[in-house]
C-alpha atoms as a PDB file:
ATOM      1  CA  MET A   1      -9.439 -22.077  -3.339  1.00  0.00           C
ATOM      2  CA  SER A   2      -9.032 -19.759  -6.316  1.00  0.00           C
ATOM      3  CA  THR A   3     -12.099 -17.968  -7.669  1.00  0.00           C
ATOM      4  CA  ASP A   4     -11.672 -19.600 -11.105  1.00  0.00           C
ATOM      5  CA  CYS A   5     -12.857 -22.849  -9.446  1.00  0.00           C
ATOM      6  CA  LEU A   6     -15.984 -21.271  -7.990  1.00  0.00           C
ATOM      7  CA  PRO A   7     -19.330 -20.423  -9.603  1.00  0.00           C
ATOM      8  CA  PRO A   8     -20.586 -16.845  -9.983  1.00  0.00           C
ATOM      9  CA  GLN A   9     -22.515 -15.564  -6.995  1.00  0.00           C
ATOM     10  CA  GLN A  10     -24.239 -12.477  -5.642  1.00  0.00           C
ATOM     11  CA  ALA A  11     -21.863 -10.491  -3.469  1.00  0.00           C
ATOM     12  CA  ALA A  12     -22.819  -9.185  -0.049  1.00  0.00           C
ATOM     13  CA  GLY A  13     -22.123  -5.459   0.239  1.00  0.00           C
ATOM     14  CA  ARG A  14     -19.129  -3.923  -1.478  1.00  0.00           C
ATOM     15  CA  VAL A  15     -16.649  -6.176  -3.249  1.00  0.00           C
ATOM     16  CA  TRP A  16     -13.097  -5.625  -2.025  1.00  0.00           C
ATOM     17  CA  LEU A  17     -10.044  -6.936  -3.872  1.00  0.00           C
ATOM     18  CA  ILE A  18      -7.223  -6.812  -1.325  1.00  0.00           C
ATOM     19  CA  THR A  19      -3.599  -7.916  -1.626  1.00  0.00           C
ATOM     20  CA  GLY A  20      -1.495  -8.955   1.360  1.00  0.00           C
ATOM     21  CA  VAL A  21      -4.447 -10.436   3.272  1.00  0.00           C
ATOM     22  CA  SER A  22      -2.376 -13.222   4.853  1.00  0.00           C
ATOM     23  CA  SER A  23      -1.238 -10.867   7.624  1.00  0.00           C
ATOM     24  CA  GLY A  24      -0.677  -7.330   8.793  1.00  0.00           C
ATOM     25  CA  LEU A  25      -2.601  -4.324   7.592  1.00  0.00           C
ATOM     26  CA  GLY A  26      -4.082  -6.186   4.626  1.00  0.00           C
ATOM     27  CA  ARG A  27      -5.595  -8.733   7.000  1.00  0.00           C
ATOM     28  CA  ALA A  28      -6.955  -5.998   9.288  1.00  0.00           C
ATOM     29  CA  ILE A  29      -8.562  -4.180   6.342  1.00  0.00           C
ATOM     30  CA  ALA A  30     -10.144  -7.421   5.132  1.00  0.00           C
ATOM     31  CA  GLU A  31     -11.573  -8.140   8.576  1.00  0.00           C
ATOM     32  CA  ALA A  32     -12.995  -4.619   8.854  1.00  0.00           C
ATOM     33  CA  ALA A  33     -14.545  -4.861   5.382  1.00  0.00           C
ATOM     34  CA  LEU A  34     -16.153  -8.191   6.262  1.00  0.00           C
ATOM     35  CA  VAL A  35     -17.551  -6.919   9.570  1.00  0.00           C
ATOM     36  CA  ALA A  36     -19.027  -4.008   7.621  1.00  0.00           C
ATOM     37  CA  GLY A  37     -20.905  -6.522   5.477  1.00  0.00           C
ATOM     38  CA  GLY A  38     -18.602  -6.550   2.474  1.00  0.00           C
ATOM     39  CA  THR A  39     -17.213  -9.359   0.349  1.00  0.00           C
ATOM     40  CA  VAL A  40     -13.445  -9.870   0.123  1.00  0.00           C
ATOM     41  CA  ALA A  41     -11.490 -11.330  -2.763  1.00  0.00           C
ATOM     42  CA  ALA A  42      -8.214 -12.006  -0.961  1.00  0.00           C
ATOM     43  CA  ALA A  43      -5.278 -11.919  -3.382  1.00  0.00           C
ATOM     44  CA  VAL A  44      -2.521 -13.977  -1.739  1.00  0.00           C
ATOM     45  CA  ARG A  45       0.440 -16.139  -2.725  1.00  0.00           C
ATOM     46  CA  ALA A  46      -0.767 -18.961  -0.459  1.00  0.00           C
ATOM     47  CA  PRO A  47      -4.570 -19.371  -0.650  1.00  0.00           C
ATOM     48  CA  ALA A  48      -4.596 -21.543   2.485  1.00  0.00           C
ATOM     49  CA  SER A  49      -3.457 -18.503   4.482  1.00  0.00           C
ATOM     50  CA  VAL A  50      -7.011 -17.110   4.368  1.00  0.00           C
ATOM     51  CA  ASP A  51      -8.819 -20.344   5.241  1.00  0.00           C
ATOM     52  CA  SER A  52      -9.483 -19.207   8.810  1.00  0.00           C
ATOM     53  CA  LEU A  53     -10.810 -15.866   7.574  1.00  0.00           C
ATOM     54  CA  ALA A  54     -13.145 -17.634   5.148  1.00  0.00           C
ATOM     55  CA  ALA A  55     -14.330 -20.009   7.876  1.00  0.00           C
ATOM     56  CA  ALA A  56     -15.163 -17.093  10.164  1.00  0.00           C
ATOM     57  CA  HIS A  57     -17.140 -15.324   7.407  1.00  0.00           C
ATOM     58  CA  PRO A  58     -18.894 -18.009   5.331  1.00  0.00           C
ATOM     59  CA  GLY A  59     -19.713 -16.929   1.801  1.00  0.00           C
ATOM     60  CA  GLN A  60     -17.934 -13.586   2.120  1.00  0.00           C
ATOM     61  CA  VAL A  61     -14.327 -14.547   1.303  1.00  0.00           C
ATOM     62  CA  ALA A  62     -12.732 -15.997  -1.825  1.00  0.00           C
ATOM     63  CA  ALA A  63      -9.002 -16.604  -2.159  1.00  0.00           C
ATOM     64  CA  VAL A  64      -7.373 -15.464  -5.390  1.00  0.00           C
ATOM     65  CA  HIS A  65      -3.951 -16.939  -6.077  1.00  0.00           C
ATOM     66  CA  LEU A  66      -1.685 -13.991  -6.897  1.00  0.00           C
ATOM     67  CA  ASP A  67       1.914 -12.980  -6.329  1.00  0.00           C
ATOM     68  CA  ILE A  68       1.799  -9.219  -6.821  1.00  0.00           C
ATOM     69  CA  ALA A  69       5.243  -9.360  -8.452  1.00  0.00           C
ATOM     70  CA  ASP A  70       3.863 -11.665 -11.179  1.00  0.00           C
ATOM     71  CA  ALA A  71       2.529  -9.050 -13.594  1.00  0.00           C
ATOM     72  CA  ALA A  72       1.483 -11.670 -16.146  1.00  0.00           C
ATOM     73  CA  ARG A  73      -0.966 -13.205 -13.670  1.00  0.00           C
ATOM     74  CA  ILE A  74      -2.699  -9.936 -12.725  1.00  0.00           C
ATOM     75  CA  PRO A  75      -5.245  -9.613 -15.598  1.00  0.00           C
ATOM     76  CA  ALA A  76      -6.462 -13.185 -15.064  1.00  0.00           C
ATOM     77  CA  ALA A  77      -6.807 -12.621 -11.310  1.00  0.00           C
ATOM     78  CA  VAL A  78      -8.965  -9.543 -11.902  1.00  0.00           C
ATOM     79  CA  ASP A  79     -11.036 -11.410 -14.490  1.00  0.00           C
ATOM     80  CA  GLU A  80     -11.676 -14.163 -11.928  1.00  0.00           C
ATOM     81  CA  VAL A  81     -13.069 -11.670  -9.429  1.00  0.00           C
ATOM     82  CA  ILE A  82     -15.211  -9.963 -12.059  1.00  0.00           C
ATOM     83  CA  GLY A  83     -16.376 -13.341 -13.328  1.00  0.00           C
ATOM     84  CA  ARG A  84     -17.538 -14.346  -9.878  1.00  0.00           C
ATOM     85  CA  TYR A  85     -18.967 -11.120  -8.468  1.00  0.00           C
ATOM     86  CA  GLY A  86     -19.542  -8.950 -11.537  1.00  0.00           C
ATOM     87  CA  ARG A  87     -17.755  -5.947 -10.060  1.00  0.00           C
ATOM     88  CA  ILE A  88     -14.927  -4.653  -7.883  1.00  0.00           C
ATOM     89  CA  ASP A  89     -15.841  -1.727  -5.650  1.00  0.00           C
ATOM     90  CA  VAL A  90     -12.589  -1.261  -3.737  1.00  0.00           C
ATOM     91  CA  LEU A  91      -9.035  -2.254  -4.628  1.00  0.00           C
ATOM     92  CA  VAL A  92      -6.526  -2.231  -1.775  1.00  0.00           C
ATOM     93  CA  ASN A  93      -2.855  -2.640  -2.691  1.00  0.00           C
ATOM     94  CA  SER A  94      -1.424  -3.719   0.655  1.00  0.00           C
ATOM     95  CA  ALA A  95       1.158  -6.446  -0.055  1.00  0.00           C
ATOM     96  CA  GLY A  96       4.660  -5.402   0.917  1.00  0.00           C
ATOM     97  CA  ARG A  97       7.907  -6.070   2.718  1.00  0.00           C
ATOM     98  CA  ALA A  98      10.751  -4.115   4.273  1.00  0.00           C
ATOM     99  CA  LEU A  99      14.311  -3.647   3.026  1.00  0.00           C
ATOM    100  CA  VAL A 100      16.915  -2.111   5.336  1.00  0.00           C
ATOM    101  CA  GLY A 101      20.230  -0.796   4.050  1.00  0.00           C
ATOM    102  CA  GLY A 102      22.022   2.287   2.786  1.00  0.00           C
ATOM    103  CA  VAL A 103      21.685   3.509  -0.781  1.00  0.00           C
ATOM    104  CA  GLU A 104      25.223   2.440  -1.675  1.00  0.00           C
ATOM    105  CA  GLU A 105      24.607  -0.905   0.014  1.00  0.00           C
ATOM    106  CA  THR A 106      21.503  -1.659  -2.078  1.00  0.00           C
ATOM    107  CA  SER A 107      22.035  -3.700  -5.237  1.00  0.00           C
ATOM    108  CA  ASP A 108      20.164  -3.221  -8.505  1.00  0.00           C
ATOM    109  CA  GLY A 109      18.505  -6.587  -7.981  1.00  0.00           C
ATOM    110  CA  GLU A 110      17.281  -5.733  -4.484  1.00  0.00           C
ATOM    111  CA  LEU A 111      15.913  -2.393  -5.637  1.00  0.00           C
ATOM    112  CA  ARG A 112      14.212  -3.842  -8.713  1.00  0.00           C
ATOM    113  CA  ASP A 113      12.653  -6.701  -6.719  1.00  0.00           C
ATOM    114  CA  LEU A 114      11.226  -4.247  -4.199  1.00  0.00           C
ATOM    115  CA  MET A 115       9.931  -2.035  -6.997  1.00  0.00           C
ATOM    116  CA  GLU A 116       8.066  -5.033  -8.415  1.00  0.00           C
ATOM    117  CA  VAL A 117       6.257  -5.575  -5.099  1.00  0.00           C
ATOM    118  CA  HIS A 118       5.584  -1.964  -4.126  1.00  0.00           C
ATOM    119  CA  PHE A 119       5.248  -0.195  -7.476  1.00  0.00           C
ATOM    120  CA  PHE A 120       5.014  -2.203 -10.692  1.00  0.00           C
ATOM    121  CA  GLY A 121       2.663  -4.822  -9.240  1.00  0.00           C
ATOM    122  CA  PRO A 122       0.246  -2.320  -7.665  1.00  0.00           C
ATOM    123  CA  ALA A 123       0.419  -0.174 -10.815  1.00  0.00           C
ATOM    124  CA  ALA A 124      -0.498  -3.153 -12.991  1.00  0.00           C
ATOM    125  CA  LEU A 125      -3.308  -4.213 -10.670  1.00  0.00           C
ATOM    126  CA  THR A 126      -4.664  -0.663 -10.616  1.00  0.00           C
ATOM    127  CA  ARG A 127      -4.646  -0.532 -14.424  1.00  0.00           C
ATOM    128  CA  ALA A 128      -6.400  -3.903 -14.624  1.00  0.00           C
ATOM    129  CA  VAL A 129      -9.185  -2.840 -12.245  1.00  0.00           C
ATOM    130  CA  LEU A 130      -9.825   0.668 -13.555  1.00  0.00           C
ATOM    131  CA  PRO A 131     -11.717  -0.298 -16.757  1.00  0.00           C
ATOM    132  CA  HIS A 132     -14.283  -2.135 -14.630  1.00  0.00           C
ATOM    133  CA  MET A 133     -14.631   0.793 -12.215  1.00  0.00           C
ATOM    134  CA  ARG A 134     -15.021   3.217 -15.129  1.00  0.00           C
ATOM    135  CA  ARG A 135     -17.804   1.036 -16.490  1.00  0.00           C
ATOM    136  CA  GLN A 136     -19.486   1.075 -13.065  1.00  0.00           C
ATOM    137  CA  ARG A 137     -18.889   4.844 -12.743  1.00  0.00           C
ATOM    138  CA  SER A 138     -17.791   4.181  -9.180  1.00  0.00           C
ATOM    139  CA  GLY A 139     -15.019   2.644  -7.103  1.00  0.00           C
ATOM    140  CA  ALA A 140     -12.061   3.324  -4.867  1.00  0.00           C
ATOM    141  CA  ILE A 141      -8.342   2.589  -5.155  1.00  0.00           C
ATOM    142  CA  VAL A 142      -6.525   2.380  -1.817  1.00  0.00           C
ATOM    143  CA  GLN A 143      -2.735   2.457  -2.044  1.00  0.00           C
ATOM    144  CA  ILE A 144      -1.011   1.432   1.174  1.00  0.00           C
ATOM    145  CA  SER A 145       2.068   3.613   1.107  1.00  0.00           C
ATOM    146  CA  SER A 146       3.915   4.745   4.238  1.00  0.00           C
ATOM    147  CA  MET A 147       5.046   7.854   6.054  1.00  0.00           C
ATOM    148  CA  GLY A 148       8.208   6.822   4.174  1.00  0.00           C
ATOM    149  CA  GLY A 149       6.344   7.543   0.949  1.00  0.00           C
ATOM    150  CA  ARG A 150       6.223  11.224   1.869  1.00  0.00           C
ATOM    151  CA  ILE A 151       9.604  11.586   3.625  1.00  0.00           C
ATOM    152  CA  SER A 152      12.675   9.367   3.713  1.00  0.00           C
ATOM    153  CA  PHE A 153      15.226   8.348   6.316  1.00  0.00           C
ATOM    154  CA  ALA A 154      18.736   6.912   6.338  1.00  0.00           C
ATOM    155  CA  GLY A 155      18.726   3.146   5.945  1.00  0.00           C
ATOM    156  CA  VAL A 156      15.368   2.865   4.183  1.00  0.00           C
ATOM    157  CA  GLY A 157      16.018   4.793   0.976  1.00  0.00           C
ATOM    158  CA  ALA A 158      15.066   1.899  -1.303  1.00  0.00           C
ATOM    159  CA  TYR A 159      11.817   1.275   0.576  1.00  0.00           C
ATOM    160  CA  SER A 160      10.944   4.967   0.427  1.00  0.00           C
ATOM    161  CA  ALA A 161      11.822   5.157  -3.273  1.00  0.00           C
ATOM    162  CA  THR A 162       9.232   2.499  -4.079  1.00  0.00           C
ATOM    163  CA  LYS A 163       6.571   4.248  -2.012  1.00  0.00           C
ATOM    164  CA  PHE A 164       7.433   7.695  -3.444  1.00  0.00           C
ATOM    165  CA  ALA A 165       6.914   6.212  -6.916  1.00  0.00           C
ATOM    166  CA  LEU A 166       3.544   4.729  -5.957  1.00  0.00           C
ATOM    167  CA  GLU A 167       2.404   8.044  -4.474  1.00  0.00           C
ATOM    168  CA  GLY A 168       3.412   9.993  -7.579  1.00  0.00           C
ATOM    169  CA  LEU A 169       1.504   7.645  -9.865  1.00  0.00           C
ATOM    170  CA  SER A 170      -1.519   7.642  -7.573  1.00  0.00           C
ATOM    171  CA  GLU A 171      -1.664  11.424  -7.229  1.00  0.00           C
ATOM    172  CA  ALA A 172      -1.933  11.754 -11.004  1.00  0.00           C
ATOM    173  CA  ALA A 173      -4.451   8.901 -11.223  1.00  0.00           C
ATOM    174  CA  ALA A 174      -6.674  10.573  -8.634  1.00  0.00           C
ATOM    175  CA  VAL A 175      -7.206  13.544 -10.960  1.00  0.00           C
ATOM    176  CA  GLU A 176      -7.671  11.333 -14.019  1.00  0.00           C
ATOM    177  CA  VAL A 177     -10.303   8.994 -12.576  1.00  0.00           C
ATOM    178  CA  ALA A 178     -12.323  11.438 -10.466  1.00  0.00           C
ATOM    179  CA  PRO A 179     -14.674  12.286 -13.398  1.00  0.00           C
ATOM    180  CA  PHE A 180     -15.685   8.595 -13.436  1.00  0.00           C
ATOM    181  CA  GLY A 181     -16.732   8.627  -9.778  1.00  0.00           C
ATOM    182  CA  ILE A 182     -13.580   6.793  -8.649  1.00  0.00           C
ATOM    183  CA  LYS A 183     -11.703   7.773  -5.496  1.00  0.00           C
ATOM    184  CA  VAL A 184      -7.980   7.330  -4.843  1.00  0.00           C
ATOM    185  CA  LEU A 185      -6.781   7.148  -1.239  1.00  0.00           C
ATOM    186  CA  ILE A 186      -3.057   7.052  -0.418  1.00  0.00           C
ATOM    187  CA  VAL A 187      -2.557   5.693   3.106  1.00  0.00           C
ATOM    188  CA  GLU A 188       0.648   6.691   4.910  1.00  0.00           C
ATOM    189  CA  PRO A 189       1.032   4.611   8.078  1.00  0.00           C
ATOM    190  CA  GLY A 190       3.770   5.111  10.606  1.00  0.00           C
ATOM    191  CA  ALA A 191       4.957   2.111  12.619  1.00  0.00           C
ATOM    192  CA  PHE A 192       2.103  -0.366  13.047  1.00  0.00           C
ATOM    193  CA  ARG A 193       2.189  -3.713  14.809  1.00  0.00           C
ATOM    194  CA  THR A 194       2.232  -5.869  11.678  1.00  0.00           C
ATOM    195  CA  GLY A 195       4.773  -8.424  10.507  1.00  0.00           C
ATOM    196  CA  LEU A 196       6.662  -5.899   8.362  1.00  0.00           C
ATOM    197  CA  HIS A 197       9.724  -5.942  10.640  1.00  0.00           C
ATOM    198  CA  ARG A 198       9.640  -9.679  11.246  1.00  0.00           C
ATOM    199  CA  THR A 199      12.519 -11.816  10.005  1.00  0.00           C
ATOM    200  CA  GLY A 200      11.516 -13.110   6.576  1.00  0.00           C
ATOM    201  CA  THR A 201       9.411 -10.071   5.771  1.00  0.00           C
ATOM    202  CA  ARG A 202      12.200  -7.657   6.673  1.00  0.00           C
ATOM    203  CA  GLN A 203      15.236  -8.071   4.439  1.00  0.00           C
ATOM    204  CA  GLU A 204      18.636  -6.435   4.801  1.00  0.00           C
ATOM    205  CA  THR A 205      21.279  -5.513   2.281  1.00  0.00           C
ATOM    206  CA  ALA A 206      24.908  -6.553   2.655  1.00  0.00           C
ATOM    207  CA  ALA A 207      26.596  -4.055   4.965  1.00  0.00           C
ATOM    208  CA  ILE A 208      29.502  -1.790   3.990  1.00  0.00           C
ATOM    209  CA  SER A 209      31.773  -1.069   6.959  1.00  0.00           C
ATOM    210  CA  ALA A 210      32.039   2.645   6.139  1.00  0.00           C
ATOM    211  CA  TYR A 211      28.344   3.000   7.051  1.00  0.00           C
ATOM    212  CA  THR A 212      28.459   1.064  10.319  1.00  0.00           C
ATOM    213  CA  ASP A 213      27.931   4.120  12.509  1.00  0.00           C
ATOM    214  CA  ILE A 214      25.207   5.503  10.236  1.00  0.00           C
ATOM    215  CA  ILE A 215      23.194   2.463   9.173  1.00  0.00           C
ATOM    216  CA  GLY A 216      24.161   0.047  11.955  1.00  0.00           C
ATOM    217  CA  PRO A 217      21.860   1.585  14.602  1.00  0.00           C
ATOM    218  CA  ILE A 218      18.971   1.545  12.119  1.00  0.00           C
ATOM    219  CA  ARG A 219      19.507  -2.146  11.383  1.00  0.00           C
ATOM    220  CA  ALA A 220      19.459  -2.873  15.125  1.00  0.00           C
ATOM    221  CA  GLN A 221      16.367  -0.729  15.683  1.00  0.00           C
ATOM    222  CA  GLN A 222      14.441  -2.405  12.864  1.00  0.00           C
ATOM    223  CA  ALA A 223      15.376  -5.880  14.090  1.00  0.00           C
ATOM    224  CA  ALA A 224      14.151  -5.081  17.621  1.00  0.00           C
ATOM    225  CA  PHE A 225      10.973  -3.309  16.516  1.00  0.00           C
ATOM    226  CA  ASP A 226       8.695  -6.265  15.785  1.00  0.00           C
ATOM    227  CA  GLY A 227       5.802  -6.432  18.233  1.00  0.00           C
ATOM    228  CA  LYS A 228       6.615  -3.047  19.776  1.00  0.00           C
ATOM    229  CA  GLN A 229       5.220  -0.671  17.168  1.00  0.00           C
ATOM    230  CA  PRO A 230       2.699   1.841  18.565  1.00  0.00           C
ATOM    231  CA  GLY A 231       0.121   1.562  15.788  1.00  0.00           C
ATOM    232  CA  ASP A 232      -2.943  -0.689  16.043  1.00  0.00           C
ATOM    233  CA  PRO A 233      -3.792  -2.287  12.637  1.00  0.00           C
ATOM    234  CA  ALA A 234      -7.485  -2.629  13.542  1.00  0.00           C
ATOM    235  CA  LYS A 235      -7.707   1.114  14.224  1.00  0.00           C
ATOM    236  CA  ALA A 236      -5.874   1.809  10.967  1.00  0.00           C
ATOM    237  CA  ALA A 237      -8.404  -0.306   9.061  1.00  0.00           C
ATOM    238  CA  ALA A 238     -11.288   1.538  10.735  1.00  0.00           C
ATOM    239  CA  ALA A 239      -9.735   4.881   9.785  1.00  0.00           C
ATOM    240  CA  ILE A 240      -9.435   3.779   6.154  1.00  0.00           C
ATOM    241  CA  ILE A 241     -13.090   2.754   6.009  1.00  0.00           C
ATOM    242  CA  THR A 242     -14.074   6.063   7.612  1.00  0.00           C
ATOM    243  CA  ALA A 243     -12.074   7.974   4.985  1.00  0.00           C
ATOM    244  CA  LEU A 244     -13.591   5.996   2.122  1.00  0.00           C
ATOM    245  CA  SER A 245     -17.105   6.604   3.457  1.00  0.00           C
ATOM    246  CA  ALA A 246     -16.616  10.347   3.795  1.00  0.00           C
ATOM    247  CA  ASP A 247     -18.236  12.730   1.323  1.00  0.00           C
ATOM    248  CA  THR A 248     -14.766  14.140   0.689  1.00  0.00           C
ATOM    249  CA  THR A 249     -12.158  11.404   0.900  1.00  0.00           C
ATOM    250  CA  PRO A 250      -8.634  12.788   1.409  1.00  0.00           C
ATOM    251  CA  LEU A 251      -5.974  12.072  -1.200  1.00  0.00           C
ATOM    252  CA  ARG A 252      -3.489  11.239   1.564  1.00  0.00           C
ATOM    253  CA  LEU A 253      -4.256   9.792   4.988  1.00  0.00           C
ATOM    254  CA  PRO A 254      -1.307   9.620   7.416  1.00  0.00           C
ATOM    255  CA  LEU A 255      -1.925   7.151  10.249  1.00  0.00           C
ATOM    256  CA  GLY A 256      -0.336   7.212  13.697  1.00  0.00           C
ATOM    257  CA  ASN A 257       1.139   9.892  15.911  1.00  0.00           C
ATOM    258  CA  ASP A 258       4.622   9.198  14.563  1.00  0.00           C
ATOM    259  CA  ALA A 259       3.461   9.734  10.986  1.00  0.00           C
ATOM    260  CA  ALA A 260       1.555  12.912  11.859  1.00  0.00           C
ATOM    261  CA  ASP A 261       4.525  14.385  13.741  1.00  0.00           C
ATOM    262  CA  ALA A 262       7.143  13.470  11.123  1.00  0.00           C
ATOM    263  CA  ILE A 263       5.079  14.658   8.156  1.00  0.00           C
ATOM    264  CA  ALA A 264       4.148  17.933   9.878  1.00  0.00           C
ATOM    265  CA  ALA A 265       7.809  18.600  10.712  1.00  0.00           C
ATOM    266  CA  SER A 266       8.839  17.809   7.139  1.00  0.00           C
ATOM    267  CA  LEU A 267       6.232  20.158   5.687  1.00  0.00           C
ATOM    268  CA  ASN A 268       7.453  22.954   7.966  1.00  0.00           C
ATOM    269  CA  THR A 269      11.074  22.325   6.933  1.00  0.00           C
ATOM    270  CA  THR A 270      10.155  22.234   3.252  1.00  0.00           C
ATOM    271  CA  ARG A 271       8.221  25.498   3.470  1.00  0.00           C
ATOM    272  CA  ALA A 272      11.067  27.219   5.346  1.00  0.00           C
ATOM    273  CA  GLU A 273      13.631  26.018   2.801  1.00  0.00           C
ATOM    274  CA  LEU A 274      11.467  27.189  -0.092  1.00  0.00           C
ATOM    275  CA  ALA A 275      11.127  30.626   1.510  1.00  0.00           C
ATOM    276  CA  ALA A 276      14.877  30.869   2.171  1.00  0.00           C
ATOM    277  CA  TRP A 277      15.726  30.092  -1.463  1.00  0.00           C
ATOM    278  CA  GLU A 278      12.689  31.625  -3.154  1.00  0.00           C
ATOM    279  CA  GLN A 279      14.628  34.543  -4.641  1.00  0.00           C
ATOM    280  CA  VAL A 280      17.085  32.179  -6.318  1.00  0.00           C
ATOM    281  CA  THR A 281      14.249  29.886  -7.406  1.00  0.00           C
ATOM    282  CA  ARG A 282      12.313  32.704  -9.090  1.00  0.00           C
ATOM    283  CA  ALA A 283      15.345  34.261 -10.806  1.00  0.00           C
ATOM    284  CA  THR A 284      15.839  31.423 -13.294  1.00  0.00           C
ATOM    285  CA  ASP A 285      13.228  32.306 -15.932  1.00  0.00           C
ATOM    286  CA  PHE A 286      14.134  34.188 -19.111  1.00  0.00           C
ATOM    287  CA  ASP A 287      14.008  37.976 -18.631  1.00  0.00           C
ATOM    288  CA  PRO A 288      10.780  39.572 -19.917  1.00  0.00           C
END
């Protein structure tokens, strides 16, 4: 049931507005927030998908009908939550899906559709929530990015592009909203056992034969990955709550051994490359 059909009420604990609650990491974060005594406004395309969650936590869950790619619906969805609870303490942008394919194989339509889900939608929802958090002088924005939002790999360039964009916007926002007591946390999970790689959530571009040896193994790996990922969503949710509760919340929080290893290796490579080309880099200013 959408919150516009429900009367205002006093919220228990912090009020969380979370997208992607029907499954995966969004669901795990919602469950952790509820166990911690919070109230969850679950923004989902199918409100019935959170019925079991609401039944398990009476009075703590309200479904908000929202497709994150429907920008026109976002202001009304936020108004519904504010109208019911009077505030939003934490926004979690978690809705997402996978797209596998090479850069040349990815169409404009596929890239734009993914950008709507991973970038434009979360950006619009963030903008809609921020005025209320500024008024409160408190709040937290949690952007569920990916290790692929820090580094990219063959076969997932479009996915990474959307997450890179979200991270760039969020890094700037973190500086802008800090004076209002608002935190921004960018979460960079590795491979977690969610439905991201499941058929229906994972989409693939049309293949170009020239890339068979390059992208083909990645397509096969992604298709076989569902249910075998090393990351535990419940532990990821607990880590996010720990980070939000810390006196100094990090801007970026990688999650999983695979993310930690890949990001550390990338940082080392980037620093070495910068050092190797530093003389050329610094020689491009006008002479004194």
